[in-house]
Protein backbone atom coordinates (compact mmCIF):
# COMPACT_ATOMS: atom_id res chain seq x y z
CA UNK A 1 -38.69 13.58 17.19
CA UNK A 2 -39.99 15.84 19.89
CA UNK A 3 -38.44 17.09 23.54
CA UNK A 4 -40.34 17.64 26.14
CA UNK A 5 -39.08 19.18 29.27
CA UNK A 6 -40.56 18.79 32.60
CA UNK A 7 -39.80 21.50 35.05
CA UNK A 8 -38.68 21.20 38.46
CA UNK A 9 -41.48 20.87 41.71
CA UNK A 10 -41.27 24.23 43.65
CA UNK A 11 -39.82 22.18 46.18
CA UNK A 12 -36.57 21.93 43.89
CA UNK A 13 -37.26 18.00 43.28
CA UNK A 14 -36.29 17.67 39.56
CA UNK A 15 -38.44 15.47 37.34
CA UNK A 16 -37.28 13.41 34.27
CA UNK A 17 -36.46 14.74 30.77
CA UNK A 18 -37.71 12.96 28.11
CA UNK A 19 -37.74 12.83 24.60
CA UNK A 20 -39.71 11.27 21.80
CA UNK A 21 -38.11 10.30 18.60
CA UNK A 22 -40.56 10.58 15.91
CA UNK A 23 -38.22 9.97 12.71
CA UNK A 24 -35.66 8.21 12.78
CA UNK A 25 -34.91 7.65 8.81
CA UNK A 26 -31.90 5.86 7.05
CA UNK A 27 -31.60 7.40 3.43
CA UNK A 28 -29.45 6.37 0.52
CA UNK A 29 -29.28 4.46 -2.76
CA UNK A 30 -26.44 5.45 -3.89
CA UNK A 31 -25.14 4.49 -7.34
CA UNK A 32 -21.99 5.94 -8.72
CA UNK A 33 -21.13 4.77 -12.30
CA UNK A 34 -18.66 5.46 -14.42
CA UNK A 35 -18.17 8.17 -17.00
CA UNK A 36 -16.87 6.12 -19.54
CA UNK A 37 -19.73 4.53 -21.72
CA UNK A 38 -18.27 0.53 -21.53
CA UNK A 39 -20.21 -0.98 -24.00
CA UNK A 40 -18.04 1.10 -26.66
CA UNK A 41 -14.85 0.20 -25.36
CA UNK A 42 -12.50 -2.28 -27.30
CA UNK A 43 -11.34 -4.85 -24.27
CA UNK A 44 -8.33 -5.33 -25.92
CA UNK A 45 -6.98 -2.42 -28.56
CA UNK A 46 -3.99 -0.98 -30.02
CA UNK A 47 -3.23 2.15 -32.94
CA UNK A 48 -4.32 -0.08 -35.97
CA UNK A 49 -6.22 -3.49 -33.83
CA UNK A 50 -8.72 -3.82 -31.65
CA UNK A 51 -10.80 -7.21 -29.90
CA UNK A 52 -13.67 -6.48 -28.30
CA UNK A 53 -13.65 -10.02 -26.72
CA UNK A 54 -11.48 -13.02 -26.08
CA UNK A 55 -12.43 -15.98 -24.93
CA UNK A 56 -10.75 -19.76 -24.71
CA UNK A 57 -12.11 -22.50 -25.01
CA UNK A 58 -14.83 -24.39 -27.00
CA UNK A 59 -17.18 -21.53 -28.18
CA UNK A 60 -20.06 -19.00 -27.21
CA UNK A 61 -21.61 -16.57 -28.49
CA UNK A 62 -22.91 -12.81 -26.64
CA UNK A 63 -25.97 -11.66 -28.30
CA UNK A 64 -27.96 -15.20 -29.29
CA UNK A 65 -30.91 -13.59 -30.11
CA UNK A 66 -34.60 -13.99 -31.37
CA UNK A 67 -37.26 -11.28 -32.03
CA UNK A 68 -38.13 -11.50 -28.04
CA UNK A 69 -35.45 -13.04 -26.25
CA UNK A 70 -31.43 -12.73 -25.69
CA UNK A 71 -28.90 -15.05 -24.23
CA UNK A 72 -25.63 -15.50 -23.56
CA UNK A 73 -23.71 -18.67 -24.34
CA UNK A 74 -20.97 -20.28 -23.44
CA UNK A 75 -19.39 -24.15 -24.01
CA UNK A 76 -16.02 -25.27 -22.13
CA UNK A 77 -15.12 -22.51 -20.18
CA UNK A 78 -11.98 -23.12 -18.75
CA UNK A 79 -12.26 -20.66 -15.87
CA UNK A 80 -14.41 -18.08 -14.37
CA UNK A 81 -14.46 -16.00 -11.14
CA UNK A 82 -12.08 -13.36 -10.27
CA UNK A 83 -7.95 -13.09 -10.27
CA UNK A 84 -5.87 -10.21 -9.17
CA UNK A 85 -2.24 -9.51 -8.13
CA UNK A 86 -1.86 -6.40 -5.82
CA UNK A 87 -2.56 -3.91 -9.31
CA UNK A 88 -4.86 -5.88 -11.70
CA UNK A 89 -7.69 -8.10 -11.25
CA UNK A 90 -9.24 -10.27 -14.47
CA UNK A 91 -12.69 -11.38 -14.25
CA UNK A 92 -12.63 -14.74 -16.01
CA UNK A 93 -15.45 -16.51 -18.40
CA UNK A 94 -16.99 -16.41 -21.52
CA UNK A 95 -20.13 -14.20 -20.03
CA UNK A 96 -18.51 -12.40 -17.37
CA UNK A 97 -20.26 -8.31 -17.63
CA UNK A 98 -17.31 -5.91 -18.22
CA UNK A 99 -19.49 -3.07 -16.95
CA UNK A 100 -18.68 -2.03 -13.86
CA UNK A 101 -20.96 -0.23 -10.56
CA UNK A 102 -22.10 -0.17 -7.12
CA UNK A 103 -25.47 -0.78 -5.75
CA UNK A 104 -27.19 -0.08 -2.46
CA UNK A 105 -30.00 -0.69 -1.00
CA UNK A 106 -31.21 0.12 2.34
CA UNK A 107 -33.91 -1.45 4.16
CA UNK A 108 -36.12 -1.21 7.95
CA UNK A 109 -35.35 2.92 6.91
CA UNK A 110 -37.81 4.64 9.20
CA UNK A 111 -38.17 3.96 13.07
CA UNK A 112 -40.24 5.47 16.49
CA UNK A 113 -38.66 5.03 19.14
CA UNK A 114 -41.63 6.39 21.52
CA UNK A 115 -40.30 7.92 24.38
CA UNK A 116 -37.00 8.44 26.03
CA UNK A 117 -36.03 9.46 29.78
CA UNK A 118 -32.81 9.89 31.26
CA UNK A 119 -33.43 6.80 33.39
CA UNK A 120 -33.40 4.35 30.42
CA UNK A 121 -31.29 3.89 26.64
CA UNK A 122 -33.06 3.55 23.74
CA UNK A 123 -31.65 1.41 20.76
CA UNK A 124 -32.99 1.20 17.29
CA UNK A 125 -31.35 -0.97 14.11
CA UNK A 126 -31.66 -0.22 10.48
CA UNK A 127 -30.29 -2.80 7.56
CA UNK A 128 -28.25 -1.86 4.34
CA UNK A 129 -26.55 -4.27 1.80
CA UNK A 130 -23.78 -3.65 -0.62
CA UNK A 131 -21.78 -4.63 -3.88
CA UNK A 132 -19.64 -3.86 -6.63
CA UNK A 133 -17.94 -4.91 -9.65
CA UNK A 134 -15.27 -5.15 -11.45
CA UNK A 135 -13.73 -2.84 -8.95
CA UNK A 136 -10.67 -2.14 -6.69
CA UNK A 137 -13.51 -1.85 -3.27
CA UNK A 138 -15.76 1.04 -1.94
CA UNK A 139 -16.55 2.42 0.90
CA UNK A 140 -19.97 3.59 2.91
CA UNK A 141 -19.59 6.65 4.97
CA UNK A 142 -21.72 8.83 7.60
CA UNK A 143 -23.28 11.40 5.42
CA UNK A 144 -25.56 13.96 7.96
CA UNK A 145 -25.24 15.42 10.93
CA UNK A 146 -26.84 13.75 14.04
CA UNK A 147 -29.92 14.35 15.87
CA UNK A 148 -30.75 18.02 16.04
CA UNK A 149 -33.41 20.40 17.37
CA UNK A 150 -32.97 23.68 15.63
CA UNK A 151 -29.90 24.68 16.19
CA UNK A 152 -29.20 22.12 19.14
CA UNK A 153 -27.44 19.09 18.24
CA UNK A 154 -27.47 16.20 20.24
CA UNK A 155 -23.81 15.08 21.65
CA UNK A 156 -22.79 12.07 19.52
CA UNK A 157 -19.95 10.20 20.73
CA UNK A 158 -16.81 10.82 18.99
CA UNK A 159 -14.81 8.18 19.74
CA UNK A 160 -15.87 4.27 20.67
CA UNK A 161 -17.63 4.66 23.79
CA UNK A 162 -19.83 1.89 26.16
CA UNK A 163 -23.73 3.54 26.62
CA UNK A 164 -23.86 6.16 30.12
CA UNK A 165 -27.36 6.47 30.92
CA UNK A 166 -27.75 9.98 32.51
CA UNK A 167 -25.50 11.38 30.04
CA UNK A 168 -26.44 12.57 26.61
CA UNK A 169 -24.71 9.92 24.32
CA UNK A 170 -25.61 9.44 20.47
CA UNK A 171 -23.44 6.76 18.59
CA UNK A 172 -23.64 3.41 16.29
CA UNK A 173 -21.96 0.71 15.68
CA UNK A 174 -22.97 -2.40 12.79
CA UNK A 175 -22.58 -5.43 15.10
CA UNK A 176 -24.25 -7.42 17.43
CA UNK A 177 -24.43 -5.93 21.14
CA UNK A 178 -25.57 -7.04 24.73
CA UNK A 179 -25.38 -3.73 26.27
CA UNK A 180 -27.47 -1.42 27.02
CA UNK A 181 -29.50 -4.41 25.67
CA UNK A 182 -29.06 -7.39 23.29
CA UNK A 183 -29.82 -5.80 19.58
CA UNK A 184 -28.15 -5.48 16.49
CA UNK A 185 -26.36 -7.84 14.43
CA UNK A 186 -23.03 -8.92 13.15
CA UNK A 187 -22.84 -8.75 8.81
CA UNK A 188 -23.97 -11.48 6.96
CA UNK A 189 -22.89 -12.08 2.85
CA UNK A 190 -24.72 -13.05 -0.35
CA UNK A 191 -24.08 -15.97 -1.24
CA UNK A 192 -21.28 -16.46 1.00
CA UNK A 193 -18.07 -15.00 2.53
CA UNK A 194 -14.52 -15.47 1.76
CA UNK A 195 -14.88 -16.15 -1.72
CA UNK A 196 -17.72 -13.64 -2.93
CA UNK A 197 -18.38 -11.33 -0.57
CA UNK A 198 -16.21 -9.44 1.36
CA UNK A 199 -17.16 -6.58 3.16
CA UNK A 200 -16.04 -5.33 6.47
CA UNK A 201 -16.97 -3.08 9.38
CA UNK A 202 -14.85 -0.42 10.21
CA UNK A 203 -12.50 -0.08 13.25
CA UNK A 204 -14.12 2.74 14.47
CA UNK A 205 -17.34 0.83 14.72
CA UNK A 206 -17.06 -2.97 14.44
CA UNK A 207 -16.68 -3.46 18.15
CA UNK A 208 -20.08 -4.79 20.37
CA UNK A 209 -20.72 -2.28 22.97
CA UNK A 210 -19.30 0.73 22.01
CA UNK A 211 -20.80 3.10 20.07
CA UNK A 212 -19.15 6.36 17.63
CA UNK A 213 -20.64 8.52 15.44
CA UNK A 214 -18.84 11.15 13.08
CA UNK A 215 -20.36 13.03 9.80
CA UNK A 216 -17.78 11.39 7.21
CA UNK A 217 -16.54 9.08 8.84
CA UNK A 218 -16.52 5.62 6.99
CA UNK A 219 -18.76 3.00 8.23
CA UNK A 220 -18.16 -0.20 6.05
CA UNK A 221 -16.01 -0.38 3.07
CA UNK A 222 -14.00 -3.23 0.76
CA UNK A 223 -10.97 -3.47 -0.91
CA UNK A 224 -12.02 -5.41 -3.83
CA UNK A 225 -15.19 -6.30 -5.95
CA UNK A 226 -17.87 -8.07 -3.88
CA UNK A 227 -21.60 -9.44 -4.06
CA UNK A 228 -23.72 -8.12 -1.16
CA UNK A 229 -22.58 -7.64 2.02
CA UNK A 230 -25.85 -7.05 4.35
CA UNK A 231 -25.08 -4.52 7.59
CA UNK A 232 -27.42 -3.95 10.54
CA UNK A 233 -26.41 -0.57 11.85
CA UNK A 234 -27.44 -0.61 16.07
CA UNK A 235 -28.48 3.48 17.07
CA UNK A 236 -27.60 4.24 20.75
CA UNK A 237 -29.40 6.91 21.92
CA UNK A 238 -28.93 8.22 25.52
CA UNK A 239 -30.27 11.68 26.96
CA UNK A 240 -29.65 13.86 30.49
CA UNK A 241 -31.72 15.51 32.76
CA UNK A 242 -30.09 18.99 30.94
CA UNK A 243 -31.32 17.94 27.46
CA UNK A 244 -33.15 20.93 25.57
CA UNK A 245 -36.69 20.03 24.97
CA UNK A 246 -37.76 20.60 21.43
CA UNK A 247 -38.71 18.13 17.85
CA UNK A 248 -35.66 16.27 17.11
CA UNK A 249 -35.15 15.25 13.58
CA UNK A 250 -32.39 12.50 11.98
CA UNK A 251 -32.32 11.85 8.93
CA UNK A 252 -29.49 9.14 8.09
CA UNK A 253 -27.80 9.36 4.76
CA UNK A 254 -25.35 7.08 3.77
CA UNK A 255 -22.79 7.19 1.17
CA UNK A 256 -21.64 4.43 -0.91
CA UNK A 257 -18.95 5.10 -2.92
CA UNK A 258 -16.29 2.86 -5.26
CA UNK A 259 -13.07 3.11 -6.18
CA UNK A 260 -11.83 1.66 -9.89
């Protein structure tokens, strides 16, 4: 983004400082895999015996293959889905994948905010989705500094704060907002919340019309395996008449990590 500062008239009337953001980017498709090769690890074993699969039901086959195609087959499964206690969890079903993973997808990743001035707030949005499997959950963390102009860093909101036109502010949240304008969205779930999707917004970023940004802080999380939770990041920019002129760059890096 490019920031242009307009100097005062000789008579002492100060004009508006304007800021033009050329690049607002959200970056991060981060997939973290366990170090073990799970295809070689038996599910149940002792010093003398091991079982690669345990199945209760009428029958099935993990690898039903021809020269060109493979499939997993089962008949008469007695249970399917997740079961857990405070310390353990299991995925029931003959065709259950036993490789843990985390996946993150970003979209709407580049925005041009145009010209900002000290009399108006600027906003933008970006989207990301996260799922994790055979995990105790995940966290998504801010991995980058606020917008920077050379050595100058735009003032980020250290606590959830309302928009204040004319004050230098940078912050985000992950919910639907009505101030300073109507923008953003609450998390949505694929395929549905409750049974399959369990992602939530961190408490510092889950209140409408309050914004914050801290490098290294968690913005979204789950406490268990979950299918996709779809998040919308709402960005708030306010500048003051004393915001330094120059070119500001903000590449928003997100870091998603599973716990196993």
